[in-house]
N, C-alpha and C. Protein backbone atom coordinates (compact mmCIF):
# COMPACT_ATOMS: atom_id res chain seq x y z
N MET A 1 124.04 101.33 106.71
CA MET A 1 122.62 101.24 106.43
C MET A 1 121.94 102.56 106.79
N ALA A 2 120.89 102.85 106.07
CA ALA A 2 120.07 104.01 106.38
C ALA A 2 119.20 103.68 107.59
N ASN A 3 118.68 104.71 108.22
CA ASN A 3 117.74 104.53 109.33
C ASN A 3 116.44 105.21 108.98
N ILE A 4 115.33 104.59 109.40
CA ILE A 4 114.03 105.19 109.18
C ILE A 4 113.30 105.30 110.51
N LYS A 5 112.80 106.50 110.80
CA LYS A 5 112.08 106.75 112.04
C LYS A 5 110.60 106.44 111.83
N ILE A 6 110.05 105.68 112.75
CA ILE A 6 108.66 105.23 112.66
C ILE A 6 107.81 106.10 113.58
N PRO A 7 106.69 106.64 113.08
CA PRO A 7 105.84 107.46 113.94
C PRO A 7 105.16 106.59 115.02
N THR A 8 104.86 107.20 116.13
CA THR A 8 104.29 106.49 117.28
C THR A 8 103.10 105.60 116.91
N PRO A 9 102.12 106.05 116.13
CA PRO A 9 100.97 105.18 115.84
C PRO A 9 101.33 103.89 115.09
N LEU A 10 102.44 103.89 114.37
CA LEU A 10 102.83 102.70 113.60
C LEU A 10 103.79 101.79 114.35
N ARG A 11 104.24 102.19 115.50
CA ARG A 11 105.21 101.38 116.25
C ARG A 11 104.60 100.08 116.77
N ALA A 12 103.29 100.01 116.84
CA ALA A 12 102.63 98.76 117.23
C ALA A 12 102.94 97.65 116.24
N TYR A 13 103.30 98.02 115.02
CA TYR A 13 103.58 97.05 113.95
C TYR A 13 105.07 96.83 113.74
N THR A 14 105.91 97.50 114.56
CA THR A 14 107.37 97.33 114.46
C THR A 14 107.95 96.89 115.80
N SER A 15 107.17 96.14 116.56
CA SER A 15 107.60 95.66 117.88
C SER A 15 108.06 96.80 118.78
N GLY A 16 107.43 97.96 118.62
CA GLY A 16 107.75 99.11 119.45
C GLY A 16 109.00 99.87 119.04
N GLN A 17 109.64 99.44 117.97
CA GLN A 17 110.88 100.09 117.53
C GLN A 17 110.57 101.46 116.93
N SER A 18 111.34 102.47 117.33
CA SER A 18 111.13 103.83 116.82
C SER A 18 112.06 104.15 115.65
N VAL A 19 113.23 103.50 115.60
CA VAL A 19 114.18 103.70 114.51
C VAL A 19 114.65 102.33 114.05
N ILE A 20 114.60 102.12 112.74
CA ILE A 20 114.93 100.81 112.17
C ILE A 20 115.99 100.99 111.09
N ALA A 21 117.00 100.16 111.13
CA ALA A 21 118.03 100.16 110.09
C ALA A 21 117.46 99.45 108.86
N VAL A 22 117.60 100.11 107.71
CA VAL A 22 117.07 99.57 106.45
C VAL A 22 118.12 99.69 105.36
N SER A 23 118.00 98.82 104.37
CA SER A 23 118.91 98.90 103.23
C SER A 23 118.10 99.15 101.97
N GLY A 24 118.77 99.70 100.98
CA GLY A 24 118.14 99.97 99.70
C GLY A 24 118.69 101.25 99.11
N GLY A 25 118.69 101.31 97.80
CA GLY A 25 119.23 102.47 97.10
C GLY A 25 118.20 103.50 96.71
N THR A 26 116.90 103.15 96.87
CA THR A 26 115.80 104.08 96.57
C THR A 26 114.78 104.00 97.70
N VAL A 27 113.86 104.95 97.72
CA VAL A 27 112.78 104.92 98.71
C VAL A 27 112.00 103.62 98.59
N ALA A 28 111.70 103.18 97.37
CA ALA A 28 110.95 101.93 97.18
C ALA A 28 111.69 100.75 97.79
N GLU A 29 112.99 100.66 97.56
CA GLU A 29 113.78 99.54 98.09
C GLU A 29 113.86 99.59 99.61
N VAL A 30 114.00 100.78 100.17
CA VAL A 30 114.04 100.94 101.62
C VAL A 30 112.72 100.49 102.24
N LEU A 31 111.60 100.91 101.65
CA LEU A 31 110.30 100.52 102.20
C LEU A 31 110.05 99.03 102.03
N GLU A 32 110.55 98.44 100.95
CA GLU A 32 110.43 96.99 100.77
C GLU A 32 111.21 96.26 101.86
N ASP A 33 112.42 96.75 102.17
CA ASP A 33 113.20 96.14 103.24
C ASP A 33 112.49 96.30 104.58
N LEU A 34 111.96 97.48 104.84
CA LEU A 34 111.24 97.74 106.09
C LEU A 34 110.05 96.79 106.24
N THR A 35 109.25 96.66 105.19
CA THR A 35 108.06 95.80 105.28
C THR A 35 108.41 94.32 105.23
N ALA A 36 109.59 93.97 104.73
CA ALA A 36 110.05 92.58 104.82
C ALA A 36 110.42 92.25 106.27
N GLN A 37 110.99 93.24 106.97
CA GLN A 37 111.34 93.05 108.38
C GLN A 37 110.09 93.04 109.27
N TYR A 38 109.11 93.84 108.91
CA TYR A 38 107.89 94.01 109.71
C TYR A 38 106.66 93.92 108.79
N PRO A 39 106.28 92.70 108.38
CA PRO A 39 105.19 92.53 107.41
C PRO A 39 103.85 93.12 107.87
N ASP A 40 103.60 93.17 109.18
CA ASP A 40 102.33 93.72 109.66
C ASP A 40 102.21 95.22 109.40
N LEU A 41 103.33 95.87 109.11
CA LEU A 41 103.33 97.30 108.82
C LEU A 41 102.81 97.60 107.41
N ARG A 42 103.03 96.67 106.49
CA ARG A 42 102.73 96.91 105.07
C ARG A 42 101.33 97.46 104.80
N PRO A 43 100.26 96.86 105.31
CA PRO A 43 98.93 97.39 104.96
C PRO A 43 98.65 98.79 105.51
N HIS A 44 99.48 99.23 106.42
CA HIS A 44 99.28 100.57 107.00
C HIS A 44 99.99 101.66 106.22
N ILE A 45 100.93 101.27 105.35
CA ILE A 45 101.61 102.28 104.53
C ILE A 45 101.38 102.08 103.03
N TYR A 46 100.91 100.89 102.66
CA TYR A 46 100.63 100.60 101.25
C TYR A 46 99.16 100.30 101.04
N ASP A 47 98.67 100.68 99.88
CA ASP A 47 97.35 100.27 99.38
C ASP A 47 97.65 99.44 98.15
N GLY A 48 97.64 98.13 98.30
CA GLY A 48 98.10 97.26 97.21
C GLY A 48 99.59 97.44 97.04
N ASP A 49 100.00 97.85 95.85
CA ASP A 49 101.42 98.07 95.57
C ASP A 49 101.81 99.55 95.62
N GLN A 50 100.85 100.42 95.94
CA GLN A 50 101.10 101.86 95.95
C GLN A 50 101.18 102.39 97.38
N LEU A 51 102.11 103.31 97.59
CA LEU A 51 102.19 103.97 98.88
C LEU A 51 100.89 104.73 99.11
N ARG A 52 100.32 104.60 100.29
CA ARG A 52 99.06 105.29 100.59
C ARG A 52 99.25 106.80 100.42
N SER A 53 98.22 107.46 99.95
CA SER A 53 98.32 108.89 99.63
C SER A 53 98.63 109.75 100.84
N PHE A 54 98.26 109.30 102.02
CA PHE A 54 98.49 110.10 103.23
C PHE A 54 99.81 109.78 103.92
N VAL A 55 100.61 108.89 103.33
CA VAL A 55 101.90 108.53 103.91
C VAL A 55 103.01 109.27 103.16
N ASN A 56 103.79 110.03 103.90
CA ASN A 56 104.91 110.77 103.32
C ASN A 56 106.21 110.20 103.86
N VAL A 57 107.20 110.11 102.99
CA VAL A 57 108.52 109.65 103.39
C VAL A 57 109.48 110.82 103.18
N PHE A 58 110.13 111.22 104.25
CA PHE A 58 111.10 112.31 104.20
C PHE A 58 112.50 111.74 104.29
N ILE A 59 113.38 112.30 103.47
CA ILE A 59 114.81 112.00 103.55
C ILE A 59 115.44 113.29 104.05
N GLY A 60 115.88 113.28 105.29
CA GLY A 60 116.29 114.53 105.91
C GLY A 60 115.06 115.42 106.02
N GLU A 61 115.13 116.60 105.42
CA GLU A 61 114.00 117.55 105.46
C GLU A 61 113.19 117.56 104.17
N GLU A 62 113.54 116.71 103.22
CA GLU A 62 112.90 116.71 101.90
C GLU A 62 111.88 115.59 101.75
N ASN A 63 110.67 115.94 101.33
CA ASN A 63 109.65 114.95 101.05
C ASN A 63 110.00 114.24 99.74
N ALA A 64 110.07 112.92 99.77
CA ALA A 64 110.41 112.15 98.57
C ALA A 64 109.43 112.42 97.44
N ARG A 65 108.17 112.74 97.75
CA ARG A 65 107.17 113.04 96.71
C ARG A 65 107.58 114.27 95.90
N ASP A 66 108.31 115.18 96.53
CA ASP A 66 108.74 116.40 95.85
C ASP A 66 110.04 116.20 95.07
N GLN A 67 110.62 115.03 95.19
CA GLN A 67 111.85 114.72 94.46
C GLN A 67 111.50 113.76 93.32
N HIS A 68 111.82 112.50 93.48
CA HIS A 68 111.54 111.50 92.44
C HIS A 68 110.60 110.42 92.94
N GLY A 69 109.81 110.74 93.96
CA GLY A 69 108.86 109.77 94.49
C GLY A 69 109.57 108.52 95.00
N MET A 70 109.01 107.37 94.67
CA MET A 70 109.56 106.10 95.14
C MET A 70 110.94 105.81 94.54
N ALA A 71 111.28 106.50 93.45
CA ALA A 71 112.59 106.30 92.81
C ALA A 71 113.66 107.24 93.37
N THR A 72 113.31 108.04 94.37
CA THR A 72 114.28 108.96 94.98
C THR A 72 115.45 108.17 95.56
N PRO A 73 116.67 108.53 95.19
CA PRO A 73 117.84 107.83 95.74
C PRO A 73 117.97 108.02 97.25
N VAL A 74 118.46 106.99 97.91
CA VAL A 74 118.69 107.02 99.35
C VAL A 74 120.15 106.67 99.61
N ALA A 75 120.86 107.60 100.24
CA ALA A 75 122.26 107.35 100.59
C ALA A 75 122.35 106.32 101.71
N GLU A 76 123.48 105.65 101.77
CA GLU A 76 123.66 104.59 102.76
C GLU A 76 123.53 105.09 104.19
N ASP A 77 123.86 106.35 104.44
CA ASP A 77 123.79 106.91 105.79
C ASP A 77 122.59 107.84 105.98
N ALA A 78 121.60 107.72 105.12
CA ALA A 78 120.44 108.62 105.15
C ALA A 78 119.59 108.41 106.41
N GLN A 79 118.94 109.50 106.80
CA GLN A 79 117.98 109.47 107.90
C GLN A 79 116.61 109.74 107.29
N LEU A 80 115.73 108.75 107.34
CA LEU A 80 114.40 108.88 106.76
C LEU A 80 113.36 108.91 107.87
N ARG A 81 112.19 109.45 107.53
CA ARG A 81 111.06 109.47 108.46
C ARG A 81 109.79 109.17 107.69
N ILE A 82 108.93 108.37 108.28
CA ILE A 82 107.58 108.19 107.75
C ILE A 82 106.70 109.17 108.51
N ILE A 83 105.99 110.01 107.76
CA ILE A 83 105.12 111.00 108.38
C ILE A 83 103.74 110.90 107.74
N PRO A 84 102.78 110.35 108.49
CA PRO A 84 101.42 110.30 107.95
C PRO A 84 100.78 111.69 108.01
N SER A 85 100.02 112.01 106.98
CA SER A 85 99.29 113.28 106.97
C SER A 85 98.19 113.21 108.02
N ILE A 86 97.90 114.35 108.61
CA ILE A 86 96.86 114.43 109.62
C ILE A 86 95.76 115.34 109.09
N ALA A 87 94.55 114.83 109.12
CA ALA A 87 93.40 115.62 108.65
C ALA A 87 92.58 116.04 109.86
N GLY A 88 91.92 117.12 109.71
CA GLY A 88 91.09 117.59 110.80
C GLY A 88 90.14 118.66 110.30
N GLY A 89 89.29 119.08 111.16
CA GLY A 89 88.38 120.10 110.71
C GLY A 89 87.64 120.76 111.82
């Protein structure tokens, strides 16, 4: 199974877990598995059926948005990270 690292602000919705084993062949499938395991997380990363614009999913060092978006393939041993964008001024 792939693993996905959860950022500290979102761990309140994953029972404090920082790394979660997930299954799926694409980013979309991995996130569906993640939110099936932790339904309270869903509204914090999705807006309806779309990934929120400020939520980035990295596979290794590559942003999935720069590859094939939600259709980006995920290897069984992949290391993913959710990285929310930070705004400031």
